[in-house]
PDB file of N, CA and C in Angstrom:
ATOM      1  N   MET A   1      56.062 149.222 187.857  1.00  0.00           N
ATOM      2  CA  MET A   1      57.544 149.486 187.235  1.00  0.00           C
ATOM      3  C   MET A   1      58.109 147.996 187.096  1.00  0.00           C
ATOM      4  N   ARG A   2      58.965 147.713 186.064  1.00  0.00           N
ATOM      5  CA  ARG A   2      59.588 146.438 186.433  1.00  0.00           C
ATOM      6  C   ARG A   2      61.032 147.031 186.351  1.00  0.00           C
ATOM      7  N   TYR A   3      61.222 145.514 186.737  1.00  0.00           N
ATOM      8  CA  TYR A   3      62.906 146.016 187.216  1.00  0.00           C
ATOM      9  C   TYR A   3      63.704 145.073 185.997  1.00  0.00           C
ATOM     10  N   ARG A   4      64.867 145.343 186.383  1.00  0.00           N
ATOM     11  CA  ARG A   4      65.789 145.130 185.245  1.00  0.00           C
ATOM     12  C   ARG A   4      66.819 143.875 186.230  1.00  0.00           C
ATOM     13  N   CYS A   5      67.113 142.928 185.999  1.00  0.00           N
ATOM     14  CA  CYS A   5      67.970 141.892 186.915  1.00  0.00           C
ATOM     15  C   CYS A   5      69.141 141.357 186.344  1.00  0.00           C
ATOM     16  N   LEU A   6      70.261 141.287 187.227  1.00  0.00           N
ATOM     17  CA  LEU A   6      71.260 140.253 186.414  1.00  0.00           C
ATOM     18  C   LEU A   6      71.222 139.027 187.562  1.00  0.00           C
ATOM     19  N   LEU A   7      71.043 137.687 187.060  1.00  0.00           N
ATOM     20  CA  LEU A   7      71.221 136.414 187.852  1.00  0.00           C
ATOM     21  C   LEU A   7      72.492 135.768 187.825  1.00  0.00           C
ATOM     22  N   VAL A   8      73.433 135.833 189.090  1.00  0.00           N
ATOM     23  CA  VAL A   8      74.502 135.145 188.969  1.00  0.00           C
ATOM     24  C   VAL A   8      74.220 133.365 189.866  1.00  0.00           C
ATOM     25  N   ASP A   9      74.286 132.652 188.910  1.00  0.00           N
ATOM     26  CA  ASP A   9      74.096 130.977 190.059  1.00  0.00           C
ATOM     27  C   ASP A   9      74.544 130.080 188.612  1.00  0.00           C
ATOM     28  N   ASP A  10      75.259 129.181 189.270  1.00  0.00           N
ATOM     29  CA  ASP A  10      75.688 128.163 188.060  1.00  0.00           C
ATOM     30  C   ASP A  10      74.823 126.855 188.038  1.00  0.00           C
ATOM     31  N   SER A  11      73.213 127.062 188.638  1.00  0.00           N
ATOM     32  CA  SER A  11      72.356 126.039 188.340  1.00  0.00           C
ATOM     33  C   SER A  11      71.376 126.528 187.310  1.00  0.00           C
ATOM     34  N   ALA A  12      71.359 125.917 186.073  1.00  0.00           N
ATOM     35  CA  ALA A  12      70.534 126.285 185.050  1.00  0.00           C
ATOM     36  C   ALA A  12      69.357 125.614 185.293  1.00  0.00           C
ATOM     37  N   ARG A  13      68.791 125.175 186.292  1.00  0.00           N
ATOM     38  CA  ARG A  13      67.373 124.201 187.025  1.00  0.00           C
ATOM     39  C   ARG A  13      66.802 125.944 187.626  1.00  0.00           C
ATOM     40  N   PHE A  14      68.176 126.330 188.292  1.00  0.00           N
ATOM     41  CA  PHE A  14      67.308 127.495 189.239  1.00  0.00           C
ATOM     42  C   PHE A  14      67.465 128.425 188.650  1.00  0.00           C
ATOM     43  N   VAL A  15      68.102 129.042 187.379  1.00  0.00           N
ATOM     44  CA  VAL A  15      67.975 129.730 186.652  1.00  0.00           C
ATOM     45  C   VAL A  15      66.862 130.198 185.943  1.00  0.00           C
ATOM     46  N   ARG A  16      66.326 128.950 185.375  1.00  0.00           N
ATOM     47  CA  ARG A  16      65.032 128.755 184.460  1.00  0.00           C
ATOM     48  C   ARG A  16      63.842 128.917 185.422  1.00  0.00           C
ATOM     49  N   SER A  17      63.952 128.320 186.624  1.00  0.00           N
ATOM     50  CA  SER A  17      62.586 128.451 187.586  1.00  0.00           C
ATOM     51  C   SER A  17      62.796 130.217 188.306  1.00  0.00           C
ATOM     52  N   ALA A  18      63.811 131.162 188.435  1.00  0.00           N
ATOM     53  CA  ALA A  18      64.105 132.054 188.834  1.00  0.00           C
ATOM     54  C   ALA A  18      63.236 133.058 187.826  1.00  0.00           C
ATOM     55  N   ARG A  19      63.702 132.994 186.528  1.00  0.00           N
ATOM     56  CA  ARG A  19      63.530 133.407 185.324  1.00  0.00           C
ATOM     57  C   ARG A  19      62.084 133.337 185.466  1.00  0.00           C
ATOM     58  N   ARG A  20      61.529 132.559 185.075  1.00  0.00           N
ATOM     59  CA  ARG A  20      60.293 132.414 184.928  1.00  0.00           C
ATOM     60  C   ARG A  20      59.125 132.811 186.601  1.00  0.00           C
ATOM     61  N   LEU A  21      59.301 132.961 187.604  1.00  0.00           N
ATOM     62  CA  LEU A  21      58.802 133.137 188.814  1.00  0.00           C
ATOM     63  C   LEU A  21      58.947 134.772 188.537  1.00  0.00           C
ATOM     64  N   LEU A  22      60.143 135.032 188.551  1.00  0.00           N
ATOM     65  CA  LEU A  22      60.239 136.922 188.505  1.00  0.00           C
ATOM     66  C   LEU A  22      59.927 137.351 187.500  1.00  0.00           C
ATOM     67  N   GLY A  23      59.806 136.955 185.967  1.00  0.00           N
ATOM     68  CA  GLY A  23      59.136 137.376 184.971  1.00  0.00           C
ATOM     69  C   GLY A  23      57.708 137.914 185.201  1.00  0.00           C
ATOM     70  N   ARG A  24      56.642 136.466 185.974  1.00  0.00           N
ATOM     71  CA  ARG A  24      55.868 136.786 186.111  1.00  0.00           C
ATOM     72  C   ARG A  24      55.672 138.038 187.371  1.00  0.00           C
ATOM     73  N   GLU A  25      56.560 138.459 187.973  1.00  0.00           N
ATOM     74  CA  GLU A  25      56.031 139.225 189.250  1.00  0.00           C
ATOM     75  C   GLU A  25      57.149 140.801 188.279  1.00  0.00           C
ATOM     76  N   GLY A  26      57.112 141.057 187.599  1.00  0.00           N
ATOM     77  CA  GLY A  26      57.520 142.400 186.957  1.00  0.00           C
ATOM     78  C   GLY A  26      59.272 142.555 187.276  1.00  0.00           C
ATOM     79  N   VAL A  27      59.868 141.271 187.124  1.00  0.00           N
ATOM     80  CA  VAL A  27      61.244 141.621 187.085  1.00  0.00           C
ATOM     81  C   VAL A  27      61.762 140.695 185.828  1.00  0.00           C
ATOM     82  N   ASP A  28      62.082 141.592 185.379  1.00  0.00           N
ATOM     83  CA  ASP A  28      63.154 141.081 183.956  1.00  0.00           C
ATOM     84  C   ASP A  28      64.409 140.531 184.438  1.00  0.00           C
ATOM     85  N   VAL A  29      64.975 139.444 184.425  1.00  0.00           N
ATOM     86  CA  VAL A  29      66.207 138.588 184.080  1.00  0.00           C
ATOM     87  C   VAL A  29      66.455 139.056 182.662  1.00  0.00           C
ATOM     88  N   VAL A  30      67.666 140.162 182.481  1.00  0.00           N
ATOM     89  CA  VAL A  30      68.171 140.391 181.240  1.00  0.00           C
ATOM     90  C   VAL A  30      69.610 140.155 181.434  1.00  0.00           C
ATOM     91  N   ALA A  31      70.309 139.536 182.275  1.00  0.00           N
ATOM     92  CA  ALA A  31      71.613 138.613 182.242  1.00  0.00           C
ATOM     93  C   ALA A  31      71.829 137.783 183.003  1.00  0.00           C
ATOM     94  N   VAL A  32      72.253 136.781 182.468  1.00  0.00           N
ATOM     95  CA  VAL A  32      72.873 135.619 183.616  1.00  0.00           C
ATOM     96  C   VAL A  32      73.903 135.589 183.297  1.00  0.00           C
ATOM     97  N   ALA A  33      74.588 135.233 184.859  1.00  0.00           N
ATOM     98  CA  ALA A  33      76.422 134.327 184.422  1.00  0.00           C
ATOM     99  C   ALA A  33      76.423 133.391 185.219  1.00  0.00           C
ATOM    100  N   ALA A  34      77.446 132.895 185.428  1.00  0.00           N
ATOM    101  CA  ALA A  34      77.479 131.577 186.129  1.00  0.00           C
ATOM    102  C   ALA A  34      79.110 131.341 187.233  1.00  0.00           C
ATOM    103  N   THR A  35      79.442 132.435 186.324  1.00  0.00           N
ATOM    104  CA  THR A  35      80.958 132.808 187.148  1.00  0.00           C
ATOM    105  C   THR A  35      81.069 134.175 187.167  1.00  0.00           C
ATOM    106  N   ARG A  36      82.391 134.759 188.206  1.00  0.00           N
ATOM    107  CA  ARG A  36      82.463 135.587 188.560  1.00  0.00           C
ATOM    108  C   ARG A  36      83.083 136.461 187.178  1.00  0.00           C
ATOM    109  N   ALA A  37      83.505 135.824 186.163  1.00  0.00           N
ATOM    110  CA  ALA A  37      83.966 136.475 185.257  1.00  0.00           C
ATOM    111  C   ALA A  37      83.198 137.096 184.031  1.00  0.00           C
ATOM    112  N   GLU A  38      82.358 135.798 184.375  1.00  0.00           N
ATOM    113  CA  GLU A  38      81.119 136.316 183.613  1.00  0.00           C
ATOM    114  C   GLU A  38      80.044 137.374 183.773  1.00  0.00           C
ATOM    115  N   ALA A  39      79.759 137.087 185.026  1.00  0.00           N
ATOM    116  CA  ALA A  39      79.313 138.382 186.067  1.00  0.00           C
ATOM    117  C   ALA A  39      79.702 139.744 185.584  1.00  0.00           C
ATOM    118  N   ILE A  40      80.973 139.792 185.858  1.00  0.00           N
ATOM    119  CA  ILE A  40      81.548 141.293 185.355  1.00  0.00           C
ATOM    120  C   ILE A  40      81.558 141.280 184.092  1.00  0.00           C
ATOM    121  N   THR A  41      81.373 141.014 182.888  1.00  0.00           N
ATOM    122  CA  THR A  41      81.028 141.133 181.998  1.00  0.00           C
ATOM    123  C   THR A  41      79.780 141.192 181.725  1.00  0.00           C
ATOM    124  N   ALA A  42      78.890 140.943 182.083  1.00  0.00           N
ATOM    125  CA  ALA A  42      77.470 140.995 181.865  1.00  0.00           C
ATOM    126  C   ALA A  42      76.974 142.215 182.739  1.00  0.00           C
ATOM    127  N   ALA A  43      77.428 142.706 183.996  1.00  0.00           N
ATOM    128  CA  ALA A  43      77.131 143.914 184.584  1.00  0.00           C
ATOM    129  C   ALA A  43      77.713 144.859 183.716  1.00  0.00           C
ATOM    130  N   GLY A  44      78.640 144.681 183.343  1.00  0.00           N
ATOM    131  CA  GLY A  44      79.249 146.037 182.768  1.00  0.00           C
ATOM    132  C   GLY A  44      78.688 146.097 181.135  1.00  0.00           C
ATOM    133  N   ALA A  45      77.893 145.035 180.757  1.00  0.00           N
ATOM    134  CA  ALA A  45      77.225 145.108 179.352  1.00  0.00           C
ATOM    135  C   ALA A  45      75.779 145.760 179.282  1.00  0.00           C
ATOM    136  N   ALA A  46      75.072 145.346 180.599  1.00  0.00           N
ATOM    137  CA  ALA A  46      73.287 145.686 180.770  1.00  0.00           C
ATOM    138  C   ALA A  46      73.036 146.022 182.032  1.00  0.00           C
ATOM    139  N   ALA A  47      72.629 147.083 181.700  1.00  0.00           N
ATOM    140  CA  ALA A  47      71.907 148.156 182.538  1.00  0.00           C
ATOM    141  C   ALA A  47      70.821 147.465 183.361  1.00  0.00           C
ATOM    142  N   VAL A  48      71.025 147.447 185.268  1.00  0.00           N
ATOM    143  CA  VAL A  48      70.177 146.500 185.747  1.00  0.00           C
ATOM    144  C   VAL A  48      69.913 147.355 186.945  1.00  0.00           C
ATOM    145  N   ASP A  49      68.578 147.078 187.476  1.00  0.00           N
ATOM    146  CA  ASP A  49      68.455 147.669 189.147  1.00  0.00           C
ATOM    147  C   ASP A  49      68.933 147.116 190.253  1.00  0.00           C
ATOM    148  N   PHE A  50      69.229 145.500 189.965  1.00  0.00           N
ATOM    149  CA  PHE A  50      69.997 145.114 190.810  1.00  0.00           C
ATOM    150  C   PHE A  50      70.511 143.437 190.308  1.00  0.00           C
ATOM    151  N   SER A  51      71.370 143.160 191.347  1.00  0.00           N
ATOM    152  CA  SER A  51      71.882 141.985 190.912  1.00  0.00           C
ATOM    153  C   SER A  51      71.496 141.044 191.889  1.00  0.00           C
ATOM    154  N   LEU A  52      71.209 139.473 191.783  1.00  0.00           N
ATOM    155  CA  LEU A  52      70.991 138.518 192.267  1.00  0.00           C
ATOM    156  C   LEU A  52      71.927 137.660 192.345  1.00  0.00           C
ATOM    157  N   ILE A  53      72.830 137.178 193.350  1.00  0.00           N
ATOM    158  CA  ILE A  53      74.160 136.476 193.208  1.00  0.00           C
ATOM    159  C   ILE A  53      73.952 135.248 194.450  1.00  0.00           C
ATOM    160  N   ASP A  54      74.187 134.054 193.642  1.00  0.00           N
ATOM    161  CA  ASP A  54      74.041 132.832 194.851  1.00  0.00           C
ATOM    162  C   ASP A  54      75.418 132.719 195.273  1.00  0.00           C
ATOM    163  N   VAL A  55      75.173 132.649 196.938  1.00  0.00           N
ATOM    164  CA  VAL A  55      76.625 132.482 197.431  1.00  0.00           C
ATOM    165  C   VAL A  55      77.381 131.354 197.445  1.00  0.00           C
ATOM    166  N   GLN A  56      76.659 129.929 197.104  1.00  0.00           N
ATOM    167  CA  GLN A  56      77.602 129.550 196.502  1.00  0.00           C
ATOM    168  C   GLN A  56      77.743 128.897 194.963  1.00  0.00           C
ATOM    169  N   LEU A  57      78.900 129.461 194.712  1.00  0.00           N
ATOM    170  CA  LEU A  57      79.456 129.133 192.849  1.00  0.00           C
ATOM    171  C   LEU A  57      80.288 128.127 193.018  1.00  0.00           C
ATOM    172  N   ALA A  58      80.133 127.300 191.874  1.00  0.00           N
ATOM    173  CA  ALA A  58      81.406 126.444 191.672  1.00  0.00           C
ATOM    174  C   ALA A  58      82.743 127.227 191.714  1.00  0.00           C
ATOM    175  N   GLY A  59      83.612 126.791 192.822  1.00  0.00           N
ATOM    176  CA  GLY A  59      84.817 127.703 192.850  1.00  0.00           C
ATOM    177  C   GLY A  59      85.141 128.717 193.449  1.00  0.00           C
ATOM    178  N   ASP A  60      84.044 129.329 193.578  1.00  0.00           N
ATOM    179  CA  ASP A  60      83.922 130.799 194.101  1.00  0.00           C
ATOM    180  C   ASP A  60      83.075 131.000 195.279  1.00  0.00           C
ATOM    181  N   ASN A  61      82.734 132.160 195.905  1.00  0.00           N
ATOM    182  CA  ASN A  61      81.351 132.345 196.517  1.00  0.00           C
ATOM    183  C   ASN A  61      80.737 134.114 196.415  1.00  0.00           C
ATOM    184  N   GLY A  62      79.732 133.933 196.551  1.00  0.00           N
ATOM    185  CA  GLY A  62      78.703 135.161 196.015  1.00  0.00           C
ATOM    186  C   GLY A  62      79.188 136.635 196.455  1.00  0.00           C
ATOM    187  N   ALA A  63      79.614 136.494 197.565  1.00  0.00           N
ATOM    188  CA  ALA A  63      80.334 137.521 198.492  1.00  0.00           C
ATOM    189  C   ALA A  63      81.374 138.126 197.965  1.00  0.00           C
ATOM    190  N   ALA A  64      82.383 137.146 196.884  1.00  0.00           N
ATOM    191  CA  ALA A  64      83.349 137.726 196.542  1.00  0.00           C
ATOM    192  C   ALA A  64      83.190 138.226 195.034  1.00  0.00           C
ATOM    193  N   VAL A  65      81.974 137.899 194.428  1.00  0.00           N
ATOM    194  CA  VAL A  65      81.292 138.128 193.437  1.00  0.00           C
ATOM    195  C   VAL A  65      80.691 139.416 193.294  1.00  0.00           C
ATOM    196  N   ALA A  66      80.057 139.792 194.353  1.00  0.00           N
ATOM    197  CA  ALA A  66      79.362 141.033 194.937  1.00  0.00           C
ATOM    198  C   ALA A  66      80.362 142.138 195.110  1.00  0.00           C
ATOM    199  N   ASP A  67      81.694 141.484 195.674  1.00  0.00           N
ATOM    200  CA  ASP A  67      82.159 142.789 196.157  1.00  0.00           C
ATOM    201  C   ASP A  67      83.177 143.359 194.773  1.00  0.00           C
ATOM    202  N   ALA A  68      83.522 142.043 194.239  1.00  0.00           N
ATOM    203  CA  ALA A  68      83.943 142.507 192.618  1.00  0.00           C
ATOM    204  C   ALA A  68      82.972 142.904 191.665  1.00  0.00           C
ATOM    205  N   LEU A  69      81.750 142.811 191.635  1.00  0.00           N
ATOM    206  CA  LEU A  69      80.945 144.124 191.059  1.00  0.00           C
ATOM    207  C   LEU A  69      80.828 145.446 191.433  1.00  0.00           C
ATOM    208  N   ALA A  70      80.333 145.862 192.846  1.00  0.00           N
ATOM    209  CA  ALA A  70      80.579 146.529 193.873  1.00  0.00           C
ATOM    210  C   ALA A  70      82.001 147.392 193.501  1.00  0.00           C
ATOM    211  N   ARG A  71      83.353 146.952 192.964  1.00  0.00           N
ATOM    212  CA  ARG A  71      84.465 147.726 193.160  1.00  0.00           C
ATOM    213  C   ARG A  71      84.231 148.144 191.705  1.00  0.00           C
ATOM    214  N   ARG A  72      83.583 147.796 190.670  1.00  0.00           N
ATOM    215  CA  ARG A  72      83.887 148.107 189.288  1.00  0.00           C
ATOM    216  C   ARG A  72      82.372 149.214 189.140  1.00  0.00           C
ATOM    217  N   GLY A  73      81.684 148.968 190.271  1.00  0.00           N
ATOM    218  CA  GLY A  73      80.667 149.958 189.879  1.00  0.00           C
ATOM    219  C   GLY A  73      79.433 149.626 188.923  1.00  0.00           C
ATOM    220  N   VAL A  74      79.142 148.653 189.421  1.00  0.00           N
ATOM    221  CA  VAL A  74      78.583 147.585 188.286  1.00  0.00           C
ATOM    222  C   VAL A  74      77.322 147.083 188.512  1.00  0.00           C
ATOM    223  N   GLY A  75      76.408 146.721 188.432  1.00  0.00           N
ATOM    224  CA  GLY A  75      75.638 145.248 188.622  1.00  0.00           C
ATOM    225  C   GLY A  75      74.268 146.032 189.687  1.00  0.00           C
ATOM    226  N   GLY A  76      74.356 147.147 189.616  1.00  0.00           N
ATOM    227  CA  GLY A  76      73.300 147.841 190.649  1.00  0.00           C
ATOM    228  C   GLY A  76      73.229 147.654 192.047  1.00  0.00           C
ATOM    229  N   ARG A  77      72.374 147.356 192.654  1.00  0.00           N
ATOM    230  CA  ARG A  77      72.587 147.196 194.025  1.00  0.00           C
ATOM    231  C   ARG A  77      72.304 145.220 193.991  1.00  0.00           C
ATOM    232  N   ILE A  78      73.290 145.239 195.345  1.00  0.00           N
ATOM    233  CA  ILE A  78      73.194 143.741 194.916  1.00  0.00           C
ATOM    234  C   ILE A  78      72.492 142.842 195.976  1.00  0.00           C
ATOM    235  N   VAL A  79      71.765 141.805 196.143  1.00  0.00           N
ATOM    236  CA  VAL A  79      71.140 140.628 196.772  1.00  0.00           C
ATOM    237  C   VAL A  79      71.928 139.482 196.556  1.00  0.00           C
ATOM    238  N   LEU A  80      72.433 138.622 197.579  1.00  0.00           N
ATOM    239  CA  LEU A  80      72.449 137.580 197.890  1.00  0.00           C
ATOM    240  C   LEU A  80      71.352 136.464 197.966  1.00  0.00           C
ATOM    241  N   VAL A  81      71.767 135.557 197.106  1.00  0.00           N
ATOM    242  CA  VAL A  81      70.613 134.216 197.544  1.00  0.00           C
ATOM    243  C   VAL A  81      71.329 132.998 197.408  1.00  0.00           C
ATOM    244  N   SER A  82      70.591 132.005 198.199  1.00  0.00           N
ATOM    245  CA  SER A  82      71.194 130.682 198.319  1.00  0.00           C
ATOM    246  C   SER A  82      69.922 129.728 199.041  1.00  0.00           C
ATOM    247  N   ALA A  83      70.259 128.484 198.635  1.00  0.00           N
ATOM    248  CA  ALA A  83      69.165 127.440 199.462  1.00  0.00           C
ATOM    249  C   ALA A  83      69.463 127.177 200.761  1.00  0.00           C
ATOM    250  N   LEU A  84      70.537 127.865 201.480  1.00  0.00           N
ATOM    251  CA  LEU A  84      70.626 127.888 202.663  1.00  0.00           C
ATOM    252  C   LEU A  84      69.888 129.218 203.399  1.00  0.00           C
ATOM    253  N   ASP A  85      69.931 128.678 204.864  1.00  0.00           N
ATOM    254  CA  ASP A  85      68.963 129.585 205.826  1.00  0.00           C
ATOM    255  C   ASP A  85      69.861 131.491 205.972  1.00  0.00           C
ATOM    256  N   ALA A  86      69.004 132.270 206.172  1.00  0.00           N
ATOM    257  CA  ALA A  86      69.913 133.566 206.336  1.00  0.00           C
ATOM    258  C   ALA A  86      70.802 133.395 207.516  1.00  0.00           C
ATOM    259  N   GLU A  87      70.323 132.369 208.678  1.00  0.00           N
ATOM    260  CA  GLU A  87      71.038 132.553 209.780  1.00  0.00           C
ATOM    261  C   GLU A  87      72.732 131.624 209.078  1.00  0.00           C
ATOM    262  N   ASP A  88      72.984 130.983 208.238  1.00  0.00           N
ATOM    263  CA  ASP A  88      74.086 130.445 207.922  1.00  0.00           C
ATOM    264  C   ASP A  88      75.054 130.949 207.078  1.00  0.00           C
ATOM    265  N   VAL A  89      74.094 132.565 206.352  1.00  0.00           N
ATOM    266  CA  VAL A  89      75.204 132.960 205.838  1.00  0.00           C
ATOM    267  C   VAL A  89      75.752 134.288 206.059  1.00  0.00           C
ATOM    268  N   ALA A  90      74.335 134.653 207.160  1.00  0.00           N
ATOM    269  CA  ALA A  90      74.497 136.022 207.875  1.00  0.00           C
ATOM    270  C   ALA A  90      76.035 136.482 207.945  1.00  0.00           C
ATOM    271  N   GLU A  91      76.858 136.273 208.443  1.00  0.00           N
ATOM    272  CA  GLU A  91      78.342 136.551 208.372  1.00  0.00           C
ATOM    273  C   GLU A  91      78.738 136.914 206.774  1.00  0.00           C
ATOM    274  N   LEU A  92      78.895 136.167 206.396  1.00  0.00           N
ATOM    275  CA  LEU A  92      79.065 136.062 204.914  1.00  0.00           C
ATOM    276  C   LEU A  92      78.191 137.751 203.985  1.00  0.00           C
ATOM    277  N   VAL A  93      77.292 137.854 204.231  1.00  0.00           N
ATOM    278  CA  VAL A  93      76.420 138.852 203.659  1.00  0.00           C
ATOM    279  C   VAL A  93      76.915 140.579 204.138  1.00  0.00           C
ATOM    280  N   ALA A  94      76.795 140.270 205.732  1.00  0.00           N
ATOM    281  CA  ALA A  94      77.435 141.459 206.565  1.00  0.00           C
ATOM    282  C   ALA A  94      78.473 142.170 206.029  1.00  0.00           C
ATOM    283  N   GLY A  95      79.819 141.120 205.737  1.00  0.00           N
ATOM    284  CA  GLY A  95      81.036 141.783 205.196  1.00  0.00           C
ATOM    285  C   GLY A  95      81.213 141.625 203.639  1.00  0.00           C
ATOM    286  N   SER A  96      80.385 141.700 202.980  1.00  0.00           N
ATOM    287  CA  SER A  96      80.228 141.951 201.546  1.00  0.00           C
ATOM    288  C   SER A  96      79.803 143.064 200.860  1.00  0.00           C
ATOM    289  N   ALA A  97      79.440 143.323 199.689  1.00  0.00           N
ATOM    290  CA  ALA A  97      79.003 144.402 199.448  1.00  0.00           C
ATOM    291  C   ALA A  97      77.669 144.425 199.061  1.00  0.00           C
ATOM    292  N   ALA A  98      76.940 143.315 199.265  1.00  0.00           N
ATOM    293  CA  ALA A  98      75.514 142.830 199.118  1.00  0.00           C
ATOM    294  C   ALA A  98      74.584 143.971 200.087  1.00  0.00           C
ATOM    295  N   VAL A  99      73.753 144.760 200.084  1.00  0.00           N
ATOM    296  CA  VAL A  99      72.383 144.840 200.681  1.00  0.00           C
ATOM    297  C   VAL A  99      71.952 144.094 201.550  1.00  0.00           C
ATOM    298  N   GLY A 100      71.858 142.904 201.252  1.00  0.00           N
ATOM    299  CA  GLY A 100      70.985 141.652 202.124  1.00  0.00           C
ATOM    300  C   GLY A 100      70.862 140.443 201.203  1.00  0.00           C
ATOM    301  N   PHE A 101      69.840 139.647 202.078  1.00  0.00           N
ATOM    302  CA  PHE A 101      69.787 137.857 201.418  1.00  0.00           C
ATOM    303  C   PHE A 101      68.414 137.578 201.234  1.00  0.00           C
ATOM    304  N   VAL A 102      68.198 136.996 200.088  1.00  0.00           N
ATOM    305  CA  VAL A 102      66.802 136.331 199.945  1.00  0.00           C
ATOM    306  C   VAL A 102      66.976 135.103 199.725  1.00  0.00           C
ATOM    307  N   ALA A 103      66.205 133.976 200.951  1.00  0.00           N
ATOM    308  CA  ALA A 103      66.509 132.205 200.529  1.00  0.00           C
ATOM    309  C   ALA A 103      66.088 132.088 199.247  1.00  0.00           C
ATOM    310  N   LYS A 104      66.142 131.262 198.634  1.00  0.00           N
ATOM    311  CA  LYS A 104      66.268 130.601 197.664  1.00  0.00           C
ATOM    312  C   LYS A 104      64.234 130.057 197.611  1.00  0.00           C
ATOM    313  N   ALA A 105      64.148 129.839 198.731  1.00  0.00           N
ATOM    314  CA  ALA A 105      62.957 128.962 198.837  1.00  0.00           C
ATOM    315  C   ALA A 105      62.045 130.264 198.873  1.00  0.00           C
ATOM    316  N   HIS A 106      62.352 131.504 199.229  1.00  0.00           N
ATOM    317  CA  HIS A 106      61.322 132.647 199.316  1.00  0.00           C
ATOM    318  C   HIS A 106      61.645 133.889 198.234  1.00  0.00           C
ATOM    319  N   LEU A 107      62.201 133.142 197.062  1.00  0.00           N
ATOM    320  CA  LEU A 107      62.404 134.424 196.520  1.00  0.00           C
ATOM    321  C   LEU A 107      61.320 134.892 195.585  1.00  0.00           C
ATOM    322  N   SER A 108      61.212 136.033 195.637  1.00  0.00           N
ATOM    323  CA  SER A 108      59.980 137.130 194.977  1.00  0.00           C
ATOM    324  C   SER A 108      60.440 138.519 194.412  1.00  0.00           C
ATOM    325  N   ARG A 109      59.593 139.011 193.932  1.00  0.00           N
ATOM    326  CA  ARG A 109      59.746 140.495 193.599  1.00  0.00           C
ATOM    327  C   ARG A 109      59.505 140.880 195.480  1.00  0.00           C
ATOM    328  N   ALA A 110      58.548 140.865 195.784  1.00  0.00           N
ATOM    329  CA  ALA A 110      58.608 141.411 197.287  1.00  0.00           C
ATOM    330  C   ALA A 110      59.251 140.810 198.226  1.00  0.00           C
ATOM    331  N   ALA A 111      59.888 140.272 198.463  1.00  0.00           N
ATOM    332  CA  ALA A 111      60.934 139.705 199.099  1.00  0.00           C
ATOM    333  C   ALA A 111      62.438 140.828 198.722  1.00  0.00           C
ATOM    334  N   ILE A 112      62.760 140.584 197.438  1.00  0.00           N
ATOM    335  CA  ILE A 112      63.681 141.566 197.047  1.00  0.00           C
ATOM    336  C   ILE A 112      63.637 143.142 197.263  1.00  0.00           C
ATOM    337  N   GLU A 113      62.192 143.091 196.771  1.00  0.00           N
ATOM    338  CA  GLU A 113      62.105 144.952 197.467  1.00  0.00           C
ATOM    339  C   GLU A 113      62.194 145.049 199.130  1.00  0.00           C
ATOM    340  N   ARG A 114      61.878 144.188 199.900  1.00  0.00           N
ATOM    341  CA  ARG A 114      62.323 144.516 201.162  1.00  0.00           C
ATOM    342  C   ARG A 114      63.652 144.665 201.482  1.00  0.00           C
ATOM    343  N   VAL A 115      64.083 143.540 201.074  1.00  0.00           N
ATOM    344  CA  VAL A 115      65.611 143.792 200.833  1.00  0.00           C
ATOM    345  C   VAL A 115      66.225 145.241 200.498  1.00  0.00           C
ATOM    346  N   LEU A 116      66.049 145.391 199.784  1.00  0.00           N
ATOM    347  CA  LEU A 116      66.376 146.599 198.582  1.00  0.00           C
ATOM    348  C   LEU A 116      65.819 147.740 199.919  1.00  0.00           C
ATOM    349  N   ALA A 117      64.587 147.801 200.121  1.00  0.00           N
ATOM    350  CA  ALA A 117      64.184 149.062 201.070  1.00  0.00           C
ATOM    351  C   ALA A 117      65.165 149.143 202.373  1.00  0.00           C
ATOM    352  N   GLY A 118      65.812 148.032 202.965  1.00  0.00           N
ATOM    353  CA  GLY A 118      65.993 147.576 204.258  1.00  0.00           C
ATOM    354  C   GLY A 118      65.468 146.969 205.146  1.00  0.00           C
ATOM    355  N   ARG A 119      64.310 146.438 204.675  1.00  0.00           N
ATOM    356  CA  ARG A 119      63.413 145.608 205.691  1.00  0.00           C
ATOM    357  C   ARG A 119      63.514 144.369 205.459  1.00  0.00           C
ATOM    358  N   PRO A 120      64.031 143.544 205.590  1.00  0.00           N
ATOM    359  CA  PRO A 120      64.430 141.896 205.102  1.00  0.00           C
ATOM    360  C   PRO A 120      63.659 141.244 205.987  1.00  0.00           C
ATOM    361  N   ASP A 121      62.811 140.187 205.922  1.00  0.00           N
ATOM    362  CA  ASP A 121      62.043 139.420 206.585  1.00  0.00           C
ATOM    363  C   ASP A 121      62.368 139.137 207.778  1.00  0.00           C
TER     364      ASP A 121
END
């Protein structure tokens, strides 16, 4: 089964590499956003299984974006991602609408599936 994903990140370099990596693993990045407003628009327009949202967006934070999508009932299940370690963002993730967290260094379909299943690393 292929997944459909919204990717919210303001780093074009990360978006390119994540799209390539996840695409090889059966995750189609069908929409990309760099801001909260773009994420809300994209999530409302694209049917996705889940959203990957960077914790550190320019001028915003991913937890707030996750909460905004969840309030609107769009974006599917939400997973926060970051270059930071899980310990550094644990409180932020726990207080958000996200179901969990995957470090960018460990991004993979398997890691996402573990989080979605409630079995993070």
